Amino acid sequence: MIKFELRSFSALERWLTCLRHLQGAHMQPTISRRAAIAGALASGIGLTVATPSLAQGWPTRNIRLIVPAAAGSVPDALARVVGEALARRLGQPIAVDNRPGAGGIVAMQELARSAPDGYTLGLGTISQAVFNSYVFPSLAYDPRRDLLPLARLVTSSFVLASHPSVAAASLSELIDLSKRESGKLMLGVPASGSPPHVAAVLMMQETGLSATVVPFRGGPAALTAAIRGDVQLIIDGPTILAPQVSDRALRAIVGTAARRTDALAETPTLAEAGFKSAECESWMGLFAPRGLSAEVSAILAREIQAVMDDAATASRLHALGLLPAQLAAATFSDLIEAEHRRWSPVLQKAALKPD
């Protein structure tokens, strides 16, 4: 609804008085309020039209959700599960826009330069929000300056696995083997600077495991190389490795989360192996361009919370090997700052280079 606001009430009164004088003092005023306002507008005497705020009626059209990964990837699957549920609640379609490449820089740069009107959102991982700041020497976006955290959605963890030919069944045995045969073990990771890569770096720093990290162009390529024995070790998501472990094409060594994963329930955690300081979990969340209004942010916060509280959504996320772990915007922002403090010395020491 359009609302009229007086910039000067006395000006309108003077205008009405003038009209009444012309009509004659003995006549009842016949001018209506609507006519008075219309005349005042025509005369330009101090009324302004106050249009509705952005949040009123938002959203009124499609929303774009930028994803820093290819179709069929885990981030893409998460975006589609959450996007479908959020679209139903908002009453507008949410179109997934896959922008893979360069560690998610392409996607985040597109998000950062989009209008902060709520019609462009982005899915971001710990890589785009934290790791990239220390992996890429000149980042095309500033995660803290350009991106507005809306909500953390899920967490995930990793599992270190080996080819069956590796003569080690536990992490301690693997560490000893890597020291005895220094330089012989190669560890495949999905991409340089990816969360599994960073988890591997932390594990090697904290446990003394020695291996040459070999980045691949994605998880499937790394997995194929590990099954063939081209690399002796691999680190990736538990649901990705579980079928190969079940078929005995790989042997699960240790999980990086604080608790055992359902997909590989018999695999011990780093804490159980005596290296709690090496624990590592990744996460994914929703972001908007910095500058989004508080009104639209509040609507999104409410609807995202409802989506993440839905049992059907949680079931679909568990099937993807993701643990629903929603955090509201303020807490999510605090987490990101804490992650920068934790990971900056690890990554600066590792001096990782982009592919």
Protein backbone atom coordinates (compact mmCIF):
# COMPACT_ATOMS: atom_id res chain seq x y z
CA MET A 1 0.00 0.00 0.00
CA ILE A 2 1.28 3.50 -0.87
CA LYS A 3 1.34 5.93 2.04
CA PHE A 4 1.58 9.70 1.81
CA GLU A 5 3.68 11.60 4.27
CA LEU A 6 3.53 15.34 4.94
CA ARG A 7 6.76 17.18 4.73
CA SER A 8 4.92 20.36 5.90
CA PHE A 9 1.46 20.07 7.46
CA SER A 10 1.07 23.85 7.63
CA ALA A 11 1.55 24.12 3.86
CA LEU A 12 -1.36 21.74 3.26
CA GLU A 13 -3.53 23.66 5.73
CA ARG A 14 -2.79 26.91 3.92
CA TRP A 15 -3.73 25.29 0.63
CA LEU A 16 -7.04 23.96 2.00
CA THR A 17 -7.84 27.33 3.60
CA CYS A 18 -7.31 29.05 0.29
CA LEU A 19 -9.73 26.70 -1.45
CA ARG A 20 -12.39 27.17 1.19
CA HIS A 21 -12.05 30.96 0.91
CA LEU A 22 -12.63 30.73 -2.85
CA GLN A 23 -15.70 28.53 -2.31
CA GLY A 24 -17.13 31.08 0.07
CA ALA A 25 -17.18 31.23 3.77
CA HIS A 26 -20.94 30.38 3.87
CA MET A 27 -20.47 27.08 1.98
CA GLN A 28 -19.54 23.75 3.49
CA PRO A 29 -16.19 22.54 2.26
CA THR A 30 -16.83 20.06 -0.52
CA ILE A 31 -13.27 19.08 -1.25
CA SER A 32 -12.44 15.52 -0.24
CA ARG A 33 -9.28 14.43 1.45
CA ARG A 34 -8.25 12.48 -1.66
CA ALA A 35 -8.79 15.53 -3.84
CA ALA A 36 -6.84 17.67 -1.39
CA ILE A 37 -3.90 15.30 -1.50
CA ALA A 38 -4.04 15.12 -5.30
CA GLY A 39 -4.14 18.89 -5.53
CA ALA A 40 -1.30 19.25 -3.11
CA LEU A 41 0.78 16.84 -5.17
CA ALA A 42 -0.03 18.80 -8.31
CA SER A 43 0.97 22.01 -6.57
CA GLY A 44 4.18 20.52 -5.23
CA ILE A 45 3.70 21.98 -1.76
CA GLY A 46 5.53 19.50 0.38
CA LEU A 47 4.14 15.99 0.13
CA THR A 48 6.28 13.00 -0.66
CA VAL A 49 5.26 9.49 -1.62
CA ALA A 50 6.71 6.88 0.71
CA THR A 51 7.11 3.64 -1.23
CA PRO A 52 6.98 0.35 0.65
CA SER A 53 10.21 -0.90 2.21
CA LEU A 54 12.13 -3.61 0.39
CA ALA A 55 11.01 -6.29 2.82
CA GLN A 56 7.30 -5.63 2.22
CA GLY A 57 6.30 -8.21 -0.36
CA TRP A 58 9.78 -9.66 -0.73
CA PRO A 59 10.39 -11.85 -2.63
CA THR A 60 8.36 -11.07 -5.74
CA ARG A 61 10.50 -12.94 -8.29
CA ASN A 62 13.00 -15.74 -8.76
CA ILE A 63 16.02 -15.99 -6.45
CA ARG A 64 19.41 -17.12 -7.73
CA LEU A 65 21.58 -19.38 -5.57
CA ILE A 66 25.22 -19.40 -6.70
CA VAL A 67 27.12 -22.61 -5.93
CA PRO A 68 30.95 -22.82 -6.13
CA ALA A 69 30.91 -26.38 -7.46
CA ALA A 70 29.76 -28.43 -10.41
CA ALA A 71 26.37 -30.07 -10.79
CA GLY A 72 26.31 -33.43 -9.03
CA SER A 73 28.80 -32.40 -6.35
CA VAL A 74 28.03 -32.46 -2.62
CA PRO A 75 27.68 -28.63 -2.42
CA ASP A 76 25.34 -28.76 -5.41
CA ALA A 77 23.24 -31.47 -3.78
CA LEU A 78 23.03 -29.44 -0.56
CA ALA A 79 22.00 -26.33 -2.49
CA ARG A 80 19.20 -28.20 -4.22
CA VAL A 81 17.85 -29.79 -1.05
CA VAL A 82 17.83 -26.53 0.91
CA GLY A 83 16.90 -24.42 -2.11
CA GLU A 84 13.80 -26.48 -2.87
CA ALA A 85 12.58 -26.32 0.73
CA LEU A 86 13.33 -22.59 1.04
CA ALA A 87 11.56 -21.86 -2.26
CA ARG A 88 8.40 -23.51 -0.98
CA ARG A 89 8.42 -21.33 2.13
CA LEU A 90 9.21 -18.09 0.28
CA GLY A 91 6.74 -18.78 -2.54
CA GLN A 92 9.27 -18.08 -5.29
CA PRO A 93 11.54 -20.40 -7.31
CA ILE A 94 15.22 -20.63 -6.36
CA ALA A 95 17.45 -21.36 -9.33
CA VAL A 96 20.82 -23.01 -8.65
CA ASP A 97 23.61 -21.34 -10.61
CA ASN A 98 26.70 -23.58 -10.67
CA ARG A 99 29.96 -21.61 -10.93
CA PRO A 100 32.79 -24.12 -10.38
CA GLY A 101 36.46 -23.31 -10.71
CA ALA A 102 39.41 -21.62 -9.02
CA GLY A 103 38.59 -22.79 -5.51
CA GLY A 104 35.17 -21.13 -5.59
CA ILE A 105 36.60 -17.70 -6.45
CA VAL A 106 34.49 -17.44 -9.61
CA ALA A 107 31.30 -18.01 -7.62
CA MET A 108 32.15 -15.73 -4.72
CA GLN A 109 33.26 -12.91 -6.99
CA GLU A 110 29.93 -13.13 -8.80
CA LEU A 111 28.08 -13.09 -5.48
CA ALA A 112 30.08 -10.15 -4.13
CA ARG A 113 29.31 -7.93 -7.11
CA SER A 114 25.59 -8.78 -7.18
CA ALA A 115 22.99 -6.32 -5.92
CA PRO A 116 22.32 -6.75 -2.17
CA ASP A 117 18.57 -7.06 -2.67
CA GLY A 118 18.04 -10.66 -1.56
CA TYR A 119 17.59 -11.99 -5.09
CA THR A 120 21.12 -13.38 -5.26
CA LEU A 121 22.40 -15.70 -2.55
CA GLY A 122 25.44 -17.94 -2.42
CA LEU A 123 26.40 -21.25 -0.91
CA GLY A 124 29.86 -21.05 0.59
CA THR A 125 32.17 -23.56 2.24
CA ILE A 126 34.95 -23.03 4.74
CA SER A 127 37.26 -22.80 1.73
CA GLN A 128 35.62 -19.70 0.26
CA ALA A 129 35.05 -18.03 3.64
CA VAL A 130 38.42 -18.81 5.24
CA PHE A 131 40.99 -21.00 3.45
CA ASN A 132 41.15 -19.01 0.21
CA SER A 133 42.44 -15.98 2.09
CA TYR A 134 45.67 -17.88 2.81
CA VAL A 135 45.96 -20.02 -0.33
CA PHE A 136 45.51 -17.43 -3.07
CA PRO A 137 48.01 -14.54 -2.99
CA SER A 138 45.64 -12.01 -4.56
CA LEU A 139 42.04 -12.98 -3.91
CA ALA A 140 39.45 -11.38 -6.19
CA TYR A 141 37.04 -10.91 -3.28
CA ASP A 142 37.40 -10.24 0.44
CA PRO A 143 35.33 -12.78 2.41
CA ARG A 144 34.98 -10.53 5.44
CA ARG A 145 34.31 -7.31 3.54
CA ASP A 146 32.18 -8.53 0.63
CA LEU A 147 30.15 -11.46 1.99
CA LEU A 148 27.37 -11.36 4.58
CA PRO A 149 26.98 -14.64 6.51
CA LEU A 150 23.32 -15.66 6.73
CA ALA A 151 23.42 -19.11 8.31
CA ARG A 152 25.63 -22.15 8.64
CA LEU A 153 23.71 -25.15 7.32
CA VAL A 154 25.73 -28.33 7.76
CA THR A 155 29.04 -29.77 8.85
CA SER A 156 30.97 -32.63 7.33
CA SER A 157 34.18 -34.51 8.06
CA PHE A 158 36.77 -36.61 6.30
CA VAL A 159 38.34 -40.03 6.45
CA LEU A 160 41.92 -40.97 5.67
CA ALA A 161 42.08 -44.25 3.76
CA SER A 162 44.84 -46.32 2.23
CA HIS A 163 45.34 -48.76 -0.61
CA PRO A 164 45.29 -52.39 0.65
CA SER A 165 48.94 -52.77 -0.34
CA VAL A 166 49.99 -50.31 2.41
CA ALA A 167 51.30 -52.34 5.36
CA ALA A 168 49.54 -50.30 8.07
CA ALA A 169 46.13 -50.87 9.62
CA SER A 170 46.10 -47.94 12.08
CA LEU A 171 47.23 -44.33 12.17
CA SER A 172 50.16 -45.08 14.49
CA GLU A 173 51.36 -47.86 12.18
CA LEU A 174 50.99 -45.54 9.19
CA ILE A 175 53.01 -42.79 10.90
CA ASP A 176 55.80 -45.26 11.69
CA LEU A 177 55.76 -46.56 8.11
CA SER A 178 55.94 -43.04 6.69
CA LYS A 179 59.02 -42.33 8.80
CA ARG A 180 60.74 -45.57 7.90
CA GLU A 181 60.05 -45.14 4.21
CA SER A 182 60.29 -41.36 3.96
CA GLY A 183 59.09 -39.89 0.68
CA LYS A 184 57.39 -43.06 -0.56
CA LEU A 185 53.81 -42.38 0.46
CA MET A 186 51.64 -40.17 -1.75
CA LEU A 187 48.35 -38.76 -0.50
CA GLY A 188 45.64 -37.83 -3.00
CA VAL A 189 43.33 -34.87 -2.33
CA PRO A 190 40.42 -33.61 -4.47
CA ALA A 191 41.98 -30.20 -5.14
CA SER A 192 44.68 -27.89 -3.89
CA GLY A 193 43.42 -25.85 -0.94
CA SER A 194 40.22 -27.88 -0.65
CA PRO A 195 38.90 -28.78 2.82
CA PRO A 196 40.23 -32.38 2.56
CA HIS A 197 43.63 -30.98 1.57
CA VAL A 198 43.70 -28.62 4.55
CA ALA A 199 42.56 -31.44 6.85
CA ALA A 200 45.49 -33.53 5.56
CA VAL A 201 47.92 -30.66 6.15
CA LEU A 202 46.76 -30.27 9.76
CA MET A 203 46.93 -34.02 10.32
CA MET A 204 50.51 -34.20 9.08
CA GLN A 205 51.54 -31.18 11.16
CA GLU A 206 49.98 -32.58 14.34
CA THR A 207 50.78 -36.30 14.00
CA GLY A 208 54.12 -36.40 12.23
CA LEU A 209 52.69 -38.38 9.30
CA SER A 210 54.90 -37.89 6.26
CA ALA A 211 53.41 -38.00 2.77
CA THR A 212 53.62 -36.15 -0.52
CA VAL A 213 50.29 -34.47 -1.21
CA VAL A 214 49.03 -34.91 -4.77
CA PRO A 215 46.13 -32.58 -5.71
CA PHE A 216 43.71 -33.84 -8.36
CA ARG A 217 41.06 -32.10 -10.45
CA GLY A 218 38.23 -33.28 -8.24
CA GLY A 219 37.25 -36.10 -5.92
CA PRO A 220 36.49 -38.76 -8.58
CA ALA A 221 39.98 -38.46 -10.08
CA ALA A 222 41.62 -38.76 -6.67
CA LEU A 223 39.46 -41.76 -5.80
CA THR A 224 40.29 -43.54 -9.05
CA ALA A 225 44.00 -42.98 -8.46
CA ALA A 226 43.76 -44.37 -4.91
CA ILE A 227 41.88 -47.50 -6.03
CA ARG A 228 44.49 -48.14 -8.74
CA GLY A 229 47.32 -47.61 -6.27
CA ASP A 230 48.71 -44.59 -8.13
CA VAL A 231 48.59 -42.88 -4.72
CA GLN A 232 48.79 -44.88 -1.52
CA LEU A 233 46.56 -42.64 0.59
CA ILE A 234 43.44 -40.56 0.05
CA ILE A 235 41.41 -38.23 2.24
CA ASP A 236 37.80 -37.39 1.38
CA GLY A 237 34.23 -37.55 2.66
CA PRO A 238 33.12 -40.75 4.43
CA THR A 239 30.15 -41.36 2.13
CA ILE A 240 32.47 -41.15 -0.88
CA LEU A 241 34.95 -43.66 0.54
CA ALA A 242 32.52 -46.01 2.31
CA PRO A 243 31.55 -48.09 -0.77
CA GLN A 244 35.22 -48.65 -1.63
CA VAL A 245 36.00 -49.62 1.96
CA SER A 246 33.07 -52.03 1.94
CA ASP A 247 34.40 -53.60 -1.28
CA ARG A 248 37.90 -53.73 0.28
CA ALA A 249 39.32 -51.61 -2.51
CA LEU A 250 40.46 -49.21 0.24
CA ARG A 251 41.13 -49.46 3.98
CA ALA A 252 39.77 -46.74 6.28
CA ILE A 253 42.44 -45.54 8.71
CA VAL A 254 41.03 -42.64 10.75
CA GLY A 255 38.22 -40.07 10.76
CA THR A 256 38.76 -36.37 11.32
CA ALA A 257 35.53 -35.54 13.20
CA ALA A 258 35.04 -35.44 16.95
CA ARG A 259 32.81 -38.51 16.75
CA ARG A 260 32.68 -41.53 14.47
CA THR A 261 30.76 -41.18 11.24
CA ASP A 262 27.75 -43.37 10.57
CA ALA A 263 29.02 -44.23 7.08
CA LEU A 264 32.19 -45.79 8.53
CA ALA A 265 31.21 -46.53 12.11
CA GLU A 266 34.15 -48.88 12.76
CA THR A 267 36.74 -46.25 11.83
CA PRO A 268 38.33 -44.59 14.91
CA THR A 269 38.53 -40.83 15.32
CA LEU A 270 41.73 -38.81 15.61
CA ALA A 271 41.01 -38.31 19.32
CA GLU A 272 40.74 -42.08 19.77
CA ALA A 273 44.04 -42.42 17.95
CA GLY A 274 45.62 -39.94 20.39
CA PHE A 275 45.62 -36.81 18.20
CA LYS A 276 42.64 -34.69 19.18
CA SER A 277 44.45 -31.50 18.12
CA ALA A 278 44.30 -32.72 14.52
CA GLU A 279 40.48 -32.86 14.41
CA CYS A 280 38.93 -31.08 11.47
CA GLU A 281 35.39 -30.53 10.29
CA SER A 282 34.23 -28.61 7.26
CA TRP A 283 30.99 -26.69 6.92
CA MET A 284 28.77 -25.05 4.34
CA GLY A 285 26.46 -22.09 4.75
CA LEU A 286 24.45 -19.41 3.00
CA PHE A 287 25.82 -15.95 2.22
CA ALA A 288 24.51 -12.74 0.64
CA PRO A 289 26.30 -9.72 -0.80
CA ARG A 290 27.28 -7.33 1.97
CA GLY A 291 24.70 -4.56 2.29
CA LEU A 292 21.58 -6.72 2.40
CA SER A 293 18.85 -4.95 4.38
CA ALA A 294 18.05 -6.01 7.93
CA GLU A 295 14.42 -6.62 6.90
CA VAL A 296 15.26 -9.15 4.18
CA SER A 297 17.96 -10.71 6.38
CA ALA A 298 15.34 -11.27 9.08
CA ILE A 299 12.95 -12.95 6.65
CA LEU A 300 15.70 -15.23 5.40
CA ALA A 301 16.81 -16.06 8.94
CA ARG A 302 13.30 -17.09 9.91
CA GLU A 303 12.70 -19.22 6.83
CA ILE A 304 16.14 -20.87 6.83
CA GLN A 305 15.60 -21.84 10.46
CA ALA A 306 12.26 -23.41 9.56
CA VAL A 307 13.82 -25.34 6.67
CA MET A 308 16.63 -26.69 8.84
CA ASP A 309 14.19 -27.68 11.60
CA ASP A 310 12.20 -29.80 9.13
CA ALA A 311 12.66 -33.54 9.66
CA ALA A 312 12.34 -34.34 5.94
CA THR A 313 15.15 -31.92 5.09
CA ALA A 314 17.35 -33.37 7.83
CA SER A 315 16.77 -36.89 6.49
CA ARG A 316 17.83 -35.88 2.99
CA LEU A 317 20.96 -34.18 4.32
CA HIS A 318 21.94 -37.23 6.39
CA ALA A 319 21.66 -39.33 3.23
CA LEU A 320 24.30 -37.05 1.67
CA GLY A 321 26.63 -37.61 4.62
CA LEU A 322 25.99 -34.10 5.94
CA LEU A 323 25.16 -33.25 9.53
CA PRO A 324 22.53 -30.50 9.91
CA ALA A 325 24.14 -27.88 12.13
CA GLN A 326 22.36 -24.58 11.59
CA LEU A 327 23.84 -21.45 13.12
CA ALA A 328 22.18 -18.03 13.02
CA ALA A 329 23.95 -15.15 11.33
CA ALA A 330 25.68 -13.62 14.37
CA THR A 331 26.97 -16.95 15.67
CA PHE A 332 28.01 -17.96 12.17
CA SER A 333 30.00 -14.72 11.82
CA ASP A 334 31.74 -15.42 15.13
CA LEU A 335 32.59 -18.93 13.94
CA ILE A 336 34.16 -17.60 10.75
CA GLU A 337 36.37 -15.24 12.74
CA ALA A 338 37.40 -18.13 15.01
CA GLU A 339 38.21 -20.25 11.93
CA HIS A 340 40.47 -17.49 10.60
CA ARG A 341 42.35 -17.45 13.90
CA ARG A 342 42.71 -21.23 13.92
CA TRP A 343 43.66 -21.82 10.30
CA SER A 344 45.83 -18.82 9.41
CA PRO A 345 48.97 -20.17 11.16
CA VAL A 346 48.36 -23.69 9.79
CA LEU A 347 48.01 -22.50 6.21
CA GLN A 348 50.77 -19.92 6.41
CA LYS A 349 53.13 -22.62 7.65
CA ALA A 350 52.01 -25.02 4.91
CA ALA A 351 52.40 -22.34 2.21
CA LEU A 352 49.85 -24.01 -0.05
CA LYS A 353 49.77 -22.95 -3.67
CA PRO A 354 46.70 -22.91 -5.93
CA ASP A 355 46.59 -25.29 -8.89
